[in-house]
Amino acid sequence: MYNDDSVYFSPLLSPSNGGGDCPGVNYEYQLCNTEDCPKHFEDFRAQQCQLRNSHFEFQNTKHHWLPYEHPDSNKRCHLYCQSKETADVAYMKQLVHDGTRCSYKDPYSICVRGECVKVGCDKEIGSNKVEDKCGVCGGDNSHCRTVKGTFTRTPKKAGFLKMFLIPPGARHVIIQEHEASPQMLGKLASPLSLLKPGEMH
């Protein structure tokens, strides 16, 4: 997440001596604060929706508004929020603030003046750099190792049995059962949560 103070605008020079405007936009911009917000901060889109709780009425009723990512990529820089009470989606009749991420699936590209601006993993506007499967920006997939293992122990009594520890920074974790069993898989990350089929991929 960035905030709206992290995008710097610079208007381009106006034509002189009777000259005409050049084609294209008449401003340029860059990121001037590329540090991620601390993890305990809410996401920027959620903050903007939450600010509407006290005064934005939908169908003559106030709601608790949650962030909503519009399925149409052309509308993701417009502020849509979803009601916690009814699951209705409402357009808040404004653009998201500059610096809001376009999509929860893209950790870099941001909204600027209502348009999604491509940002690479090097946090440069217009960059095409992406993270490799190891999480290295612009890497070649050579800085990580694949760890595989098989767990075959059978629980002797009811309760939890520790299977393995997933280290910090692990990516693309896949847990598979080779045959059906009455046991349930879970992950302990405070609080404990049970895994559903397809999770942790």
Protein backbone atom coordinates (compact mmCIF):
# COMPACT_ATOMS: atom_id res chain seq x y z
CA MET A 1 0.00 0.00 0.00
CA TYR A 2 1.12 3.52 -0.78
CA ASN A 3 -0.65 6.71 0.24
CA ASP A 4 -1.61 9.72 -1.83
CA ASP A 5 1.49 11.60 -0.67
CA SER A 6 3.66 9.03 -2.44
CA VAL A 7 2.79 10.13 -6.00
CA TYR A 8 4.56 13.24 -7.26
CA PHE A 9 3.15 15.21 -10.20
CA SER A 10 5.16 17.45 -12.45
CA PRO A 11 3.30 19.50 -15.09
CA LEU A 12 5.11 19.72 -18.41
CA LEU A 13 6.03 23.12 -19.86
CA SER A 14 3.36 25.00 -21.78
CA PRO A 15 4.07 25.86 -25.42
CA SER A 16 5.53 29.31 -26.07
CA ASN A 17 5.78 31.64 -29.07
CA GLY A 18 2.44 30.51 -30.44
CA GLY A 19 3.32 26.81 -30.48
CA GLY A 20 0.70 24.10 -30.09
CA ASP A 21 0.41 21.37 -27.47
CA CYS A 22 2.22 18.14 -28.17
CA PRO A 23 0.10 14.98 -28.31
CA GLY A 24 -0.18 12.97 -25.12
CA VAL A 25 -0.62 13.83 -21.45
CA ASN A 26 0.59 17.19 -20.15
CA TYR A 27 2.05 15.88 -16.91
CA GLU A 28 4.37 13.18 -15.63
CA TYR A 29 4.60 11.50 -12.25
CA GLN A 30 6.79 9.25 -10.17
CA LEU A 31 6.72 7.42 -6.85
CA CYS A 32 8.51 9.35 -4.15
CA ASN A 33 7.66 7.15 -1.15
CA THR A 34 8.21 3.51 -2.04
CA GLU A 35 8.24 2.05 1.45
CA ASP A 36 5.40 -0.35 2.24
CA CYS A 37 3.13 0.63 5.12
CA PRO A 38 3.58 -1.40 8.33
CA LYS A 39 1.65 -4.67 8.19
CA HIS A 40 -0.69 -3.72 11.04
CA PHE A 41 -2.13 -0.88 8.95
CA GLU A 42 -5.38 -1.55 7.13
CA ASP A 43 -5.22 -1.51 3.36
CA PHE A 44 -5.77 1.87 1.76
CA ARG A 45 -8.95 0.89 -0.11
CA ALA A 46 -10.48 -0.47 3.11
CA GLN A 47 -9.74 2.81 4.89
CA GLN A 48 -11.51 4.80 2.20
CA CYS A 49 -14.60 2.57 2.40
CA GLN A 50 -14.65 2.68 6.18
CA LEU A 51 -14.75 6.48 6.12
CA ARG A 52 -18.18 6.24 4.45
CA ASN A 53 -19.75 4.31 7.35
CA SER A 54 -21.06 7.39 9.10
CA HIS A 55 -22.58 9.31 6.19
CA PHE A 56 -23.03 7.30 2.98
CA GLU A 57 -26.54 5.85 2.78
CA PHE A 58 -27.49 3.05 0.41
CA GLN A 59 -31.19 2.32 -0.05
CA ASN A 60 -31.92 4.81 2.75
CA THR A 61 -29.77 2.90 5.25
CA LYS A 62 -26.28 3.32 6.65
CA HIS A 63 -23.92 0.37 6.34
CA HIS A 64 -20.50 -0.83 7.44
CA TRP A 65 -18.53 -0.65 4.21
CA LEU A 66 -15.85 -3.15 3.21
CA PRO A 67 -13.40 -2.83 0.30
CA TYR A 68 -14.56 -4.24 -3.03
CA GLU A 69 -12.41 -4.92 -6.08
CA HIS A 70 -14.53 -4.48 -9.19
CA PRO A 71 -14.30 -7.39 -11.66
CA ASP A 72 -14.02 -4.87 -14.51
CA SER A 73 -10.36 -3.81 -14.58
CA ASN A 74 -11.38 -0.42 -16.01
CA LYS A 75 -13.35 0.38 -12.84
CA ARG A 76 -10.82 -0.65 -10.19
CA CYS A 77 -9.65 2.91 -9.66
CA HIS A 78 -13.22 3.97 -8.85
CA LEU A 79 -14.24 3.50 -5.24
CA TYR A 80 -16.69 0.63 -4.86
CA CYS A 81 -17.51 -0.76 -1.43
CA GLN A 82 -19.49 -3.76 -0.24
CA SER A 83 -21.99 -3.71 2.61
CA LYS A 84 -21.05 -5.95 5.53
CA GLU A 85 -24.73 -6.33 6.37
CA THR A 86 -26.28 -7.08 2.97
CA ALA A 87 -23.30 -7.83 0.64
CA ASP A 88 -24.65 -5.15 -1.74
CA VAL A 89 -22.01 -3.31 -3.74
CA ALA A 90 -22.26 0.46 -4.04
CA TYR A 91 -20.32 3.01 -6.08
CA MET A 92 -19.14 5.81 -3.81
CA LYS A 93 -19.19 8.29 -6.70
CA GLN A 94 -15.51 9.12 -6.55
CA LEU A 95 -12.11 7.82 -7.56
CA VAL A 96 -9.89 6.00 -5.10
CA HIS A 97 -7.04 8.10 -3.71
CA ASP A 98 -3.81 8.17 -5.67
CA GLY A 99 -1.50 5.41 -4.46
CA THR A 100 -4.28 2.84 -3.93
CA ARG A 101 -3.35 -0.49 -5.43
CA CYS A 102 -5.35 -1.37 -8.52
CA SER A 103 -5.83 -4.97 -7.48
CA TYR A 104 -5.22 -7.17 -4.47
CA LYS A 105 -3.61 -9.63 -6.89
CA ASP A 106 -0.99 -7.09 -8.01
CA PRO A 107 1.17 -5.79 -5.15
CA TYR A 108 2.74 -2.97 -7.18
CA SER A 109 0.52 -1.27 -9.80
CA ILE A 110 -1.34 1.74 -8.41
CA CYS A 111 -4.18 4.09 -9.27
CA VAL A 112 -3.22 7.61 -10.34
CA ARG A 113 -5.90 10.13 -11.34
CA GLY A 114 -8.40 7.34 -11.87
CA GLU A 115 -6.19 5.19 -14.06
CA CYS A 116 -4.21 2.05 -13.22
CA VAL A 117 -0.51 2.73 -13.68
CA LYS A 118 1.82 -0.23 -14.18
CA VAL A 119 4.56 -0.40 -11.57
CA GLY A 120 7.28 -3.05 -11.61
CA CYS A 121 8.61 -4.92 -8.61
CA ASP A 122 11.47 -2.38 -8.59
CA LYS A 123 8.74 0.20 -7.75
CA GLU A 124 9.42 2.20 -10.90
CA ILE A 125 6.42 3.47 -12.86
CA GLY A 126 6.32 1.84 -16.30
CA SER A 127 8.77 -0.90 -15.35
CA ASN A 128 8.06 -4.45 -16.54
CA LYS A 129 10.18 -6.13 -13.90
CA VAL A 130 8.44 -8.95 -12.03
CA GLU A 131 9.37 -11.23 -9.17
CA ASP A 132 10.60 -14.69 -10.09
CA LYS A 133 9.30 -17.79 -8.32
CA CYS A 134 11.85 -17.20 -5.56
CA GLY A 135 10.51 -13.72 -4.84
CA VAL A 136 13.57 -11.97 -6.32
CA CYS A 137 12.76 -8.87 -8.36
CA GLY A 138 14.03 -9.42 -11.89
CA GLY A 139 15.55 -12.74 -10.81
CA ASP A 140 16.15 -15.90 -12.80
CA ASN A 141 14.65 -18.47 -10.38
CA SER A 142 18.12 -19.51 -9.20
CA HIS A 143 18.04 -18.14 -5.63
CA CYS A 144 15.69 -20.62 -4.00
CA ARG A 145 15.53 -24.35 -3.46
CA THR A 146 12.68 -26.82 -3.62
CA VAL A 147 11.97 -28.80 -0.46
CA LYS A 148 9.90 -31.99 -0.67
CA GLY A 149 8.91 -34.53 1.93
CA THR A 150 6.42 -37.20 2.87
CA PHE A 151 4.75 -37.51 6.26
CA THR A 152 3.60 -41.04 7.13
CA ARG A 153 3.08 -41.11 10.91
CA THR A 154 -0.26 -42.31 12.23
CA PRO A 155 -1.70 -40.52 15.28
CA LYS A 156 -1.91 -42.77 18.34
CA LYS A 157 -4.46 -40.64 20.16
CA ALA A 158 -6.92 -37.85 19.49
CA GLY A 159 -5.55 -34.32 19.27
CA PHE A 160 -3.10 -32.33 17.21
CA LEU A 161 0.08 -33.74 15.73
CA LYS A 162 2.79 -31.44 14.41
CA MET A 163 3.72 -32.44 10.88
CA PHE A 164 6.25 -29.84 9.76
CA LEU A 165 7.29 -26.22 10.09
CA ILE A 166 6.88 -23.90 7.10
CA PRO A 167 9.74 -21.39 7.31
CA PRO A 168 9.17 -17.63 6.83
CA GLY A 169 9.51 -16.63 3.18
CA ALA A 170 8.36 -19.98 1.82
CA ARG A 171 6.43 -19.66 -1.43
CA HIS A 172 4.17 -21.89 -3.52
CA VAL A 173 3.47 -24.32 -0.69
CA ILE A 174 1.55 -27.42 -1.80
CA ILE A 175 0.18 -29.99 0.66
CA GLN A 176 -1.38 -33.13 -0.80
CA GLU A 177 -3.03 -36.23 0.62
CA HIS A 178 -2.26 -39.29 -1.48
CA GLU A 179 -5.33 -41.11 -0.22
CA ALA A 180 -8.42 -40.28 1.77
CA SER A 181 -8.13 -40.26 5.55
CA PRO A 182 -10.34 -39.23 8.49
CA GLN A 183 -7.75 -36.70 9.69
CA MET A 184 -8.06 -32.97 9.15
CA LEU A 185 -5.13 -30.78 8.13
CA GLY A 186 -4.65 -27.44 9.87
CA LYS A 187 -2.19 -24.58 10.06
CA LEU A 188 -1.21 -22.95 13.31
CA ALA A 189 -0.60 -19.27 12.77
CA SER A 190 -2.63 -17.77 15.66
CA PRO A 191 -5.38 -18.74 15.61
CA LEU A 192 -5.51 -22.32 14.34
CA SER A 193 -7.37 -22.72 11.06
CA LEU A 194 -8.37 -25.91 9.27
CA LEU A 195 -7.37 -26.28 5.64
CA LYS A 196 -9.93 -26.85 2.94
CA PRO A 197 -9.19 -28.76 -0.28
CA GLY A 198 -7.11 -26.58 -2.59
CA GLU A 199 -5.70 -24.26 0.09
CA MET A 200 -1.98 -23.66 0.61
CA HIS A 201 -1.23 -24.09 -3.10
